[in-house]
């Protein structure tokens, strides 16, 4: 749902698409994870292109390549309290999903960094899933407080929610995520998609096909509702499942068919883009240059509003810090 909104918004707005590699560090700071980032960034760009994000109309950039992000994040940290961040419901969920016993400072400040991501290009609209709605609310609060203290610099961003809820993972335990190993990827071939579908969690109480099953909350039927365009087939499968007249195998076979029909054209476009050497790097270089211009304009406004007149003098010559 969020991705569909992003593609549509290109026709109406100037769009900035961030690849948020810094956020990875909040739950996965180890070197082994950092070594995966370069390939993950490339894969994300290919996914964007495959679903219809057009780099000629939109800016695609890597978060860590924009130093102004760090600066704005630091300034925003002064405008939000620890108790407020502790009330963000997703933070504890993210820590639990990552197997963390304690919440790192960076994870607690995740919504502040996200506020910097949102407000650095002075965004008016943020397409997000429902699980990130609370983070946008933090950004709105920070923007309002900044404007109240220093003058009108930032718009108050609005969250644009997708019409599809966050997809539950194929294990039925959490939302779909690469780090949790419970995701179907746009790059998965038809055989891989079918194999993953056949491992999907269903109704644990249903040990035989002739036992009436539960449709509500069943990941296989959640996916059918979203990806199977044949509403009559889905309705009939649900009725038979509730009455114990269809097995999981048939239900999953039809889901795999629907998913592959949906993903087929995306896979073909993705393969075409992946076959062009240097394309991803070219797109990112252009996007980073464009975002640096936007970021510099925003930070000039921020520093001017706050009276930080010496903030950039250190770049003009050597200086020593004595503490």
Protein backbone atom coordinates (compact mmCIF):
# COMPACT_ATOMS: atom_id res chain seq x y z
CA UNK A 1 0.00 0.00 0.00
CA UNK A 2 2.77 2.45 0.94
CA UNK A 3 4.75 1.53 -2.19
CA UNK A 4 1.69 2.03 -4.40
CA UNK A 5 1.27 5.50 -2.90
CA UNK A 6 4.91 6.34 -3.61
CA UNK A 7 4.56 5.49 -7.28
CA UNK A 8 1.34 7.51 -7.56
CA UNK A 9 2.75 10.57 -5.77
CA UNK A 10 5.35 11.07 -8.52
CA UNK A 11 2.55 12.48 -10.68
CA UNK A 12 1.61 15.12 -8.10
CA UNK A 13 4.66 15.99 -5.99
CA UNK A 14 8.41 16.39 -6.05
CA UNK A 15 9.39 13.11 -4.40
CA UNK A 16 12.46 12.11 -2.39
CA UNK A 17 13.01 8.40 -1.79
CA UNK A 18 15.46 7.62 0.99
CA UNK A 19 17.39 4.39 1.41
CA UNK A 20 17.75 4.53 5.19
CA UNK A 21 20.97 2.63 5.80
CA UNK A 22 21.70 4.42 9.09
CA UNK A 23 18.54 3.00 10.60
CA UNK A 24 19.98 -0.48 10.11
CA UNK A 25 22.61 0.33 12.74
CA UNK A 26 19.98 0.85 15.44
CA UNK A 27 19.38 -2.90 15.71
CA UNK A 28 22.22 -4.43 13.67
CA UNK A 29 25.48 -2.54 14.34
CA UNK A 30 27.81 -5.49 13.77
CA UNK A 31 30.40 -5.39 10.99
CA UNK A 32 28.93 -8.49 9.37
CA UNK A 33 25.67 -6.61 8.83
CA UNK A 34 27.42 -3.47 7.57
CA UNK A 35 29.19 -5.53 4.93
CA UNK A 36 25.76 -6.45 3.53
CA UNK A 37 24.63 -2.83 3.22
CA UNK A 38 26.14 -2.07 -0.18
CA UNK A 39 24.34 -4.99 -1.83
CA UNK A 40 21.12 -4.24 0.08
CA UNK A 41 21.21 -0.65 -1.19
CA UNK A 42 21.61 -1.85 -4.76
CA UNK A 43 18.75 -4.32 -4.36
CA UNK A 44 16.49 -1.59 -2.95
CA UNK A 45 17.17 0.70 -5.92
CA UNK A 46 16.36 -2.12 -8.33
CA UNK A 47 13.12 -2.79 -6.43
CA UNK A 48 12.18 0.89 -6.68
CA UNK A 49 12.81 0.92 -10.42
CA UNK A 50 10.94 -2.34 -10.97
CA UNK A 51 7.73 -1.11 -9.31
CA UNK A 52 7.71 2.21 -11.18
CA UNK A 53 9.80 4.77 -9.29
CA UNK A 54 11.24 6.99 -12.03
CA UNK A 55 14.63 8.60 -11.21
CA UNK A 56 13.98 11.25 -13.87
CA UNK A 57 10.98 12.47 -11.86
CA UNK A 58 12.07 11.56 -8.33
CA UNK A 59 15.21 11.73 -6.19
CA UNK A 60 16.60 8.44 -4.85
CA UNK A 61 19.42 8.84 -2.33
CA UNK A 62 21.29 7.05 0.45
CA UNK A 63 20.75 8.42 3.95
CA UNK A 64 24.37 8.13 5.15
CA UNK A 65 25.63 10.15 2.15
CA UNK A 66 23.87 13.28 3.42
CA UNK A 67 25.94 14.75 6.31
CA UNK A 68 23.26 17.35 7.02
CA UNK A 69 21.10 14.48 8.27
CA UNK A 70 23.44 13.97 11.23
CA UNK A 71 23.46 17.68 12.03
CA UNK A 72 19.69 18.08 11.91
CA UNK A 73 19.25 14.91 13.96
CA UNK A 74 21.49 16.37 16.70
CA UNK A 75 19.52 19.63 16.78
CA UNK A 76 16.21 17.78 16.89
CA UNK A 77 17.40 15.67 19.84
CA UNK A 78 17.18 18.87 21.93
CA UNK A 79 13.47 19.19 21.15
CA UNK A 80 12.10 15.84 22.34
CA UNK A 81 12.19 14.12 25.72
CA UNK A 82 13.22 10.58 26.60
CA UNK A 83 9.79 9.76 28.12
CA UNK A 84 8.15 10.83 24.85
CA UNK A 85 10.35 8.47 22.84
CA UNK A 86 9.76 5.66 25.32
CA UNK A 87 6.05 5.93 24.55
CA UNK A 88 6.55 5.19 20.84
CA UNK A 89 5.03 1.69 20.63
CA UNK A 90 7.22 0.35 17.83
CA UNK A 91 10.54 0.88 19.64
CA UNK A 92 10.07 -1.98 22.11
CA UNK A 93 8.69 -4.16 19.32
CA UNK A 94 11.78 -3.49 17.18
CA UNK A 95 14.10 -4.31 20.09
CA UNK A 96 12.21 -7.53 20.79
CA UNK A 97 12.26 -8.56 17.12
CA UNK A 98 16.02 -7.95 16.98
CA UNK A 99 16.57 -10.01 20.13
CA UNK A 100 17.95 -7.05 22.10
CA UNK A 101 17.83 -7.28 25.89
CA UNK A 102 18.18 -3.51 26.33
CA UNK A 103 17.25 -0.62 24.03
CA UNK A 104 20.32 1.17 22.60
CA UNK A 105 20.32 4.97 22.59
CA UNK A 106 20.27 4.94 18.78
CA UNK A 107 17.14 2.78 18.69
CA UNK A 108 15.39 4.99 21.24
CA UNK A 109 16.25 7.95 19.02
CA UNK A 110 15.11 6.18 15.84
CA UNK A 111 12.02 8.44 15.49
CA UNK A 112 14.21 11.55 15.86
CA UNK A 113 16.50 10.43 13.05
CA UNK A 114 13.41 9.65 11.02
CA UNK A 115 12.14 13.17 11.75
CA UNK A 116 15.41 14.51 10.31
CA UNK A 117 14.89 12.33 7.22
CA UNK A 118 11.38 13.72 6.77
CA UNK A 119 12.06 17.37 7.51
CA UNK A 120 15.43 17.80 5.78
CA UNK A 121 13.69 18.04 2.36
CA UNK A 122 10.84 19.89 4.15
CA UNK A 123 8.36 17.19 3.18
CA UNK A 124 4.63 17.85 3.30
CA UNK A 125 3.47 14.26 2.81
CA UNK A 126 4.99 10.99 4.03
CA UNK A 127 3.72 7.67 2.61
CA UNK A 128 4.08 5.14 5.43
CA UNK A 129 2.65 1.91 6.72
CA UNK A 130 0.49 2.01 9.83
CA UNK A 131 3.40 0.71 11.91
CA UNK A 132 5.32 3.94 11.21
CA UNK A 133 2.45 6.35 11.80
CA UNK A 134 3.66 7.03 15.37
CA UNK A 135 7.08 8.03 14.02
CA UNK A 136 5.53 10.62 11.71
CA UNK A 137 3.66 12.01 14.72
CA UNK A 138 7.01 12.54 16.48
CA UNK A 139 8.26 14.41 13.39
CA UNK A 140 5.14 16.60 13.47
CA UNK A 141 5.72 17.41 17.15
CA UNK A 142 9.37 18.28 16.53
CA UNK A 143 8.47 20.51 13.56
CA UNK A 144 5.85 22.35 15.60
CA UNK A 145 8.23 22.87 18.51
CA UNK A 146 11.05 24.08 16.26
CA UNK A 147 8.74 26.54 14.52
CA UNK A 148 7.41 27.80 17.84
CA UNK A 149 10.91 28.35 19.27
CA UNK A 150 12.75 29.68 16.23
CA UNK A 151 10.24 30.71 13.57
CA UNK A 152 8.50 29.06 10.64
CA UNK A 153 10.98 26.82 8.84
CA UNK A 154 9.30 23.43 8.54
CA UNK A 155 5.92 22.36 7.17
CA UNK A 156 3.96 20.03 9.44
CA UNK A 157 4.13 16.73 7.52
CA UNK A 158 1.07 14.55 7.04
CA UNK A 159 1.20 10.75 7.05
CA UNK A 160 -0.30 9.13 3.97
CA UNK A 161 -1.34 5.62 4.94
CA UNK A 162 -1.50 2.79 2.44
CA UNK A 163 -4.77 0.96 1.89
CA UNK A 164 -3.02 -2.33 2.71
CA UNK A 165 -1.84 -3.03 6.28
CA UNK A 166 1.75 -4.09 6.97
CA UNK A 167 2.14 -7.58 5.56
CA UNK A 168 2.56 -10.29 8.15
CA UNK A 169 5.62 -12.45 7.53
CA UNK A 170 5.26 -15.89 6.01
CA UNK A 171 5.98 -17.31 9.48
CA UNK A 172 2.92 -15.51 10.85
CA UNK A 173 4.97 -14.09 13.73
CA UNK A 174 5.71 -10.50 12.73
CA UNK A 175 5.56 -8.14 9.79
CA UNK A 176 7.45 -9.22 6.70
CA UNK A 177 11.14 -8.34 7.04
CA UNK A 178 14.36 -9.36 5.34
CA UNK A 179 16.24 -9.35 8.64
CA UNK A 180 13.73 -11.80 10.14
CA UNK A 181 13.95 -14.15 7.16
CA UNK A 182 10.18 -14.21 6.69
CA UNK A 183 9.83 -12.24 3.46
CA UNK A 184 8.99 -12.81 -0.20
CA UNK A 185 11.18 -10.57 -2.36
CA UNK A 186 10.44 -8.86 -5.65
CA UNK A 187 13.54 -10.61 -7.02
CA UNK A 188 12.39 -14.12 -6.04
CA UNK A 189 11.83 -16.39 -9.04
CA UNK A 190 8.57 -18.30 -9.47
CA UNK A 191 9.94 -21.48 -7.92
CA UNK A 192 11.23 -19.63 -4.84
CA UNK A 193 7.89 -17.85 -4.38
CA UNK A 194 6.02 -21.16 -4.54
CA UNK A 195 8.43 -22.78 -2.08
CA UNK A 196 8.03 -19.92 0.40
CA UNK A 197 4.24 -19.97 0.05
CA UNK A 198 4.20 -23.67 0.90
CA UNK A 199 6.06 -22.96 4.15
CA UNK A 200 3.51 -20.34 5.21
CA UNK A 201 1.88 -20.47 8.60
CA UNK A 202 -1.86 -21.22 8.49
CA UNK A 203 -4.32 -22.37 11.18
CA UNK A 204 -2.33 -24.37 13.80
CA UNK A 205 -5.53 -26.04 15.05
CA UNK A 206 -6.26 -27.54 11.63
CA UNK A 207 -4.31 -30.78 11.37
CA UNK A 208 -6.43 -32.32 8.57
CA UNK A 209 -8.15 -30.90 5.50
CA UNK A 210 -11.59 -32.04 6.69
CA UNK A 211 -11.37 -29.98 9.89
CA UNK A 212 -13.05 -26.53 9.64
CA UNK A 213 -10.35 -23.87 9.57
CA UNK A 214 -10.00 -20.27 10.65
CA UNK A 215 -9.72 -17.68 7.88
CA UNK A 216 -9.44 -14.56 10.05
CA UNK A 217 -5.79 -13.75 10.80
CA UNK A 218 -4.63 -16.62 8.59
CA UNK A 219 -1.58 -15.29 6.67
CA UNK A 220 -2.40 -17.30 3.54
CA UNK A 221 -5.82 -15.67 3.27
CA UNK A 222 -4.41 -12.24 4.16
CA UNK A 223 -2.17 -12.60 1.10
CA UNK A 224 -5.06 -13.89 -1.02
CA UNK A 225 -7.10 -10.79 -0.12
CA UNK A 226 -4.26 -8.51 -1.22
CA UNK A 227 -2.72 -10.28 -4.21
CA UNK A 228 -5.39 -12.53 -5.72
CA UNK A 229 -7.47 -10.44 -8.16
CA UNK A 230 -10.12 -13.16 -8.46
CA UNK A 231 -12.43 -12.13 -5.61
CA UNK A 232 -14.88 -14.94 -6.36
CA UNK A 233 -12.16 -17.55 -6.08
CA UNK A 234 -11.01 -16.10 -2.75
CA UNK A 235 -14.59 -16.04 -1.43
CA UNK A 236 -15.14 -19.66 -2.47
CA UNK A 237 -11.84 -20.79 -0.92
CA UNK A 238 -12.75 -19.11 2.37
CA UNK A 239 -16.16 -20.78 2.45
CA UNK A 240 -14.67 -24.21 1.76
CA UNK A 241 -11.87 -23.67 4.29
CA UNK A 242 -14.32 -22.74 7.04
CA UNK A 243 -16.30 -25.93 6.32
CA UNK A 244 -13.29 -28.24 6.09
CA UNK A 245 -13.73 -28.86 2.37
CA UNK A 246 -10.36 -27.72 1.06
CA UNK A 247 -6.81 -28.46 2.13
CA UNK A 248 -3.93 -26.09 2.71
CA UNK A 249 -2.16 -27.44 -0.38
CA UNK A 250 -4.84 -26.22 -2.80
CA UNK A 251 -5.17 -22.87 -1.03
CA UNK A 252 -1.41 -22.34 -1.18
CA UNK A 253 -1.14 -23.48 -4.80
CA UNK A 254 -3.66 -20.84 -5.82
CA UNK A 255 -1.88 -18.20 -3.75
CA UNK A 256 1.47 -19.04 -5.36
CA UNK A 257 -0.14 -18.73 -8.79
CA UNK A 258 -1.65 -15.33 -7.90
CA UNK A 259 1.60 -14.03 -6.42
CA UNK A 260 3.64 -15.09 -9.42
CA UNK A 261 1.14 -13.47 -11.78
CA UNK A 262 1.51 -10.25 -9.78
CA UNK A 263 5.30 -10.43 -9.50
CA UNK A 264 6.04 -11.64 -13.04
CA UNK A 265 6.07 -8.23 -14.80
CA UNK A 266 7.98 -6.69 -11.87
CA UNK A 267 10.61 -9.45 -12.07
CA UNK A 268 11.05 -8.86 -15.80
CA UNK A 269 11.54 -5.11 -15.38
CA UNK A 270 13.91 -5.68 -12.48
CA UNK A 271 16.04 -8.09 -14.50
CA UNK A 272 16.33 -5.53 -17.32
CA UNK A 273 17.54 -2.84 -14.92
CA UNK A 274 19.92 -5.24 -13.16
CA UNK A 275 21.57 -6.10 -16.50
CA UNK A 276 22.70 -2.49 -17.07
CA UNK A 277 26.18 -2.01 -15.52
CA UNK A 278 26.60 1.20 -13.54
CA UNK A 279 22.92 2.17 -13.67
CA UNK A 280 22.30 2.00 -9.91
CA UNK A 281 25.46 3.96 -9.11
CA UNK A 282 24.54 6.61 -11.68
CA UNK A 283 21.05 7.01 -10.21
CA UNK A 284 22.37 7.24 -6.65
CA UNK A 285 25.11 9.73 -7.53
CA UNK A 286 22.55 12.01 -9.17
CA UNK A 287 20.11 11.58 -6.29
CA UNK A 288 22.73 12.33 -3.64
CA UNK A 289 23.82 15.50 -5.48
CA UNK A 290 20.21 16.66 -5.70
CA UNK A 291 19.50 15.90 -2.04
CA UNK A 292 22.69 17.66 -0.89
CA UNK A 293 21.44 20.84 -2.56
CA UNK A 294 18.06 20.53 -0.83
CA UNK A 295 19.72 19.70 2.50
CA UNK A 296 22.07 22.69 2.30
CA UNK A 297 19.11 25.02 1.70
CA UNK A 298 17.23 23.60 4.67
CA UNK A 299 20.21 23.78 7.02
CA UNK A 300 20.90 27.39 6.01
CA UNK A 301 17.34 28.20 7.08
CA UNK A 302 17.71 26.18 10.29
CA UNK A 303 21.02 27.78 11.31
CA UNK A 304 19.73 31.23 10.45
CA UNK A 305 16.57 30.73 12.49
CA UNK A 306 18.54 29.39 15.48
CA UNK A 307 21.32 31.97 15.26
CA UNK A 308 24.06 29.38 14.75
CA UNK A 309 26.20 31.82 12.76
CA UNK A 310 29.47 30.01 13.39
CA UNK A 311 28.18 26.55 12.52
CA UNK A 312 30.08 26.37 9.20
CA UNK A 313 33.17 28.48 9.88
CA UNK A 314 35.18 25.40 10.83
CA UNK A 315 35.03 24.22 7.22
CA UNK A 316 37.03 27.24 5.99
CA UNK A 317 40.21 26.59 7.91
CA UNK A 318 41.91 24.46 10.49
CA UNK A 319 40.59 24.75 14.03
CA UNK A 320 41.46 23.00 17.27
CA UNK A 321 38.93 21.96 19.89
CA UNK A 322 39.90 22.27 23.53
CA UNK A 323 37.53 20.79 26.09
